[in-house]
């Protein structure tokens, strides 16, 4: 039975929430292997002049511990 660990990552993007989530996974993959899933815990955005300037996600990434 595999052992799994969950870490929490905050990420942002100027394009979309999906891009922010992908950036979280890509950054985590630099130091982790065997990433299994990502759970978006929270989404938010920065608004300036009635326009969204930055998308933010609070994500939980699950990976298998060797």
N, C-alpha and C. Protein backbone atom coordinates (compact mmCIF):
# COMPACT_ATOMS: atom_id res chain seq x y z
N UNK A 1 0.85 -1.18 0.00
CA UNK A 1 0.00 0.00 0.00
C UNK A 1 0.90 1.24 0.00
N UNK A 2 0.68 2.15 -0.94
CA UNK A 2 1.53 3.36 -1.01
C UNK A 2 1.22 4.34 0.11
N UNK A 3 2.23 5.09 0.49
CA UNK A 3 2.06 6.16 1.46
C UNK A 3 2.00 7.47 0.68
N UNK A 4 0.97 8.26 0.96
CA UNK A 4 0.78 9.52 0.26
C UNK A 4 0.94 10.69 1.23
N UNK A 5 1.43 11.79 0.72
CA UNK A 5 1.59 13.00 1.51
C UNK A 5 0.93 14.15 0.77
N UNK A 6 0.41 15.11 1.51
CA UNK A 6 -0.26 16.28 0.94
C UNK A 6 0.48 17.53 1.38
N UNK A 7 0.77 18.40 0.41
CA UNK A 7 1.35 19.71 0.72
C UNK A 7 0.42 20.79 0.18
N UNK A 8 0.52 21.95 0.76
CA UNK A 8 -0.31 23.08 0.32
C UNK A 8 0.57 24.08 -0.41
N UNK A 9 0.09 24.53 -1.56
CA UNK A 9 0.86 25.46 -2.40
C UNK A 9 -0.05 26.62 -2.79
N UNK A 10 0.50 27.82 -2.75
CA UNK A 10 -0.19 29.00 -3.26
C UNK A 10 0.45 29.36 -4.59
N UNK A 11 -0.37 29.64 -5.59
CA UNK A 11 0.15 29.94 -6.92
C UNK A 11 -0.69 31.04 -7.55
N UNK A 12 -0.09 31.74 -8.52
CA UNK A 12 -0.83 32.79 -9.20
C UNK A 12 -0.50 32.81 -10.69
N UNK A 13 -1.36 33.47 -11.45
CA UNK A 13 -1.20 33.59 -12.89
C UNK A 13 -1.91 34.84 -13.37
N UNK A 14 -1.40 35.42 -14.45
CA UNK A 14 -2.11 36.56 -15.04
C UNK A 14 -3.07 36.11 -16.14
N UNK A 15 -3.14 34.77 -16.40
CA UNK A 15 -3.99 34.23 -17.47
C UNK A 15 -5.31 33.66 -16.97
N UNK A 16 -5.22 32.68 -16.00
CA UNK A 16 -6.43 31.98 -15.57
C UNK A 16 -6.16 31.18 -14.30
N UNK A 17 -7.26 30.70 -13.68
CA UNK A 17 -7.10 29.82 -12.53
C UNK A 17 -6.48 28.49 -12.96
N UNK A 18 -6.82 28.01 -14.14
CA UNK A 18 -6.24 26.76 -14.64
C UNK A 18 -4.73 26.90 -14.81
N UNK A 19 -4.29 28.03 -15.32
CA UNK A 19 -2.86 28.27 -15.48
C UNK A 19 -2.17 28.35 -14.12
N UNK A 20 -2.81 28.97 -13.15
CA UNK A 20 -2.25 29.04 -11.80
C UNK A 20 -2.10 27.63 -11.21
N UNK A 21 -3.10 26.77 -11.45
CA UNK A 21 -3.03 25.39 -10.97
C UNK A 21 -1.89 24.64 -11.65
N UNK A 22 -1.74 24.81 -12.95
CA UNK A 22 -0.66 24.15 -13.68
C UNK A 22 0.70 24.63 -13.19
N UNK A 23 0.82 25.91 -12.90
CA UNK A 23 2.08 26.43 -12.38
C UNK A 23 2.40 25.82 -11.02
N UNK A 24 1.38 25.60 -10.20
CA UNK A 24 1.59 24.97 -8.89
C UNK A 24 2.15 23.56 -9.07
N UNK A 25 1.55 22.80 -9.99
CA UNK A 25 2.02 21.42 -10.23
C UNK A 25 3.42 21.44 -10.82
N UNK A 26 3.67 22.30 -11.78
CA UNK A 26 4.99 22.37 -12.41
C UNK A 26 6.07 22.75 -11.41
N UNK A 27 5.77 23.68 -10.54
CA UNK A 27 6.76 24.09 -9.55
C UNK A 27 7.00 22.97 -8.53
N UNK A 28 5.94 22.32 -8.09
CA UNK A 28 6.09 21.22 -7.13
C UNK A 28 6.88 20.07 -7.74
N UNK A 29 6.70 19.83 -9.03
CA UNK A 29 7.38 18.72 -9.71
C UNK A 29 8.89 18.92 -9.79
N UNK A 30 9.37 20.14 -9.57
CA UNK A 30 10.81 20.38 -9.57
C UNK A 30 11.49 19.68 -8.40
N UNK A 31 10.78 19.50 -7.29
CA UNK A 31 11.38 18.86 -6.12
C UNK A 31 10.65 17.60 -5.66
N UNK A 32 9.49 17.31 -6.26
CA UNK A 32 8.73 16.12 -5.88
C UNK A 32 8.56 15.21 -7.09
N UNK A 33 8.43 13.93 -6.81
CA UNK A 33 8.09 12.98 -7.87
C UNK A 33 6.81 12.25 -7.47
N UNK A 34 6.25 11.55 -8.40
CA UNK A 34 5.04 10.75 -8.16
C UNK A 34 3.84 11.59 -7.69
N UNK A 35 3.65 12.77 -8.30
CA UNK A 35 2.48 13.58 -7.98
C UNK A 35 1.25 12.85 -8.49
N UNK A 36 0.27 12.71 -7.61
CA UNK A 36 -0.95 11.96 -7.94
C UNK A 36 -2.15 12.84 -8.26
N UNK A 37 -2.29 13.96 -7.52
CA UNK A 37 -3.48 14.79 -7.74
C UNK A 37 -3.27 16.19 -7.20
N UNK A 38 -4.17 17.08 -7.64
CA UNK A 38 -4.20 18.44 -7.11
C UNK A 38 -5.65 18.74 -6.76
N UNK A 39 -5.85 19.32 -5.59
CA UNK A 39 -7.17 19.72 -5.12
C UNK A 39 -7.14 21.23 -4.93
N UNK A 40 -8.00 21.94 -5.64
CA UNK A 40 -8.06 23.39 -5.50
C UNK A 40 -8.94 23.71 -4.31
N UNK A 41 -8.30 24.20 -3.27
CA UNK A 41 -8.98 24.49 -2.02
C UNK A 41 -9.71 25.83 -2.07
N UNK A 42 -9.11 26.79 -2.77
CA UNK A 42 -9.67 28.14 -2.81
C UNK A 42 -9.19 28.86 -4.06
N UNK A 43 -10.04 29.72 -4.59
CA UNK A 43 -9.68 30.56 -5.73
C UNK A 43 -9.96 32.01 -5.36
N UNK A 44 -9.09 32.91 -5.83
CA UNK A 44 -9.33 34.33 -5.63
C UNK A 44 -8.69 35.09 -6.78
N UNK A 45 -8.96 36.37 -6.84
CA UNK A 45 -8.40 37.19 -7.92
C UNK A 45 -8.13 38.60 -7.42
N UNK A 46 -7.14 39.23 -8.03
CA UNK A 46 -6.83 40.63 -7.75
C UNK A 46 -7.49 41.46 -8.86
N UNK A 47 -8.24 42.47 -8.47
CA UNK A 47 -8.94 43.31 -9.43
C UNK A 47 -8.39 44.72 -9.37
N UNK A 48 -8.09 45.27 -10.54
CA UNK A 48 -7.66 46.66 -10.66
C UNK A 48 -8.43 47.30 -11.81
N UNK A 49 -9.01 48.44 -11.56
CA UNK A 49 -9.78 49.16 -12.59
C UNK A 49 -10.85 48.28 -13.22
N UNK A 50 -11.56 47.54 -12.39
CA UNK A 50 -12.66 46.66 -12.81
C UNK A 50 -12.23 45.53 -13.74
N UNK A 51 -10.94 45.17 -13.70
CA UNK A 51 -10.41 44.09 -14.52
C UNK A 51 -9.59 43.14 -13.65
N UNK A 52 -9.74 41.85 -13.89
CA UNK A 52 -8.93 40.88 -13.15
C UNK A 52 -7.50 40.96 -13.65
N UNK A 53 -6.58 41.20 -12.74
CA UNK A 53 -5.16 41.33 -13.07
C UNK A 53 -4.38 40.07 -12.71
N UNK A 54 -4.87 39.32 -11.72
CA UNK A 54 -4.13 38.14 -11.26
C UNK A 54 -5.10 37.12 -10.68
N UNK A 55 -4.94 35.86 -11.11
CA UNK A 55 -5.73 34.75 -10.61
C UNK A 55 -4.88 34.00 -9.58
N UNK A 56 -5.49 33.62 -8.47
CA UNK A 56 -4.75 32.93 -7.41
C UNK A 56 -5.47 31.65 -7.00
N UNK A 57 -4.69 30.62 -6.72
CA UNK A 57 -5.26 29.37 -6.21
C UNK A 57 -4.49 28.95 -4.96
N UNK A 58 -5.23 28.36 -4.05
CA UNK A 58 -4.67 27.69 -2.89
C UNK A 58 -4.90 26.21 -3.16
N UNK A 59 -3.83 25.47 -3.44
CA UNK A 59 -3.96 24.08 -3.90
C UNK A 59 -3.31 23.10 -2.94
N UNK A 60 -3.88 21.92 -2.86
CA UNK A 60 -3.29 20.82 -2.11
C UNK A 60 -2.82 19.79 -3.14
N UNK A 61 -1.54 19.46 -3.08
CA UNK A 61 -0.95 18.52 -4.01
C UNK A 61 -0.63 17.24 -3.27
N UNK A 62 -1.09 16.12 -3.82
CA UNK A 62 -0.85 14.81 -3.23
C UNK A 62 0.20 14.08 -4.03
N UNK A 63 1.17 13.49 -3.32
CA UNK A 63 2.22 12.73 -4.00
C UNK A 63 2.57 11.48 -3.19
N UNK A 64 3.12 10.51 -3.88
CA UNK A 64 3.49 9.25 -3.22
C UNK A 64 4.89 9.37 -2.64
N UNK A 65 5.02 8.93 -1.39
CA UNK A 65 6.32 8.93 -0.71
C UNK A 65 6.99 7.59 -0.97
N UNK A 66 8.24 7.65 -1.42
CA UNK A 66 8.99 6.39 -1.69
C UNK A 66 9.64 5.88 -0.44
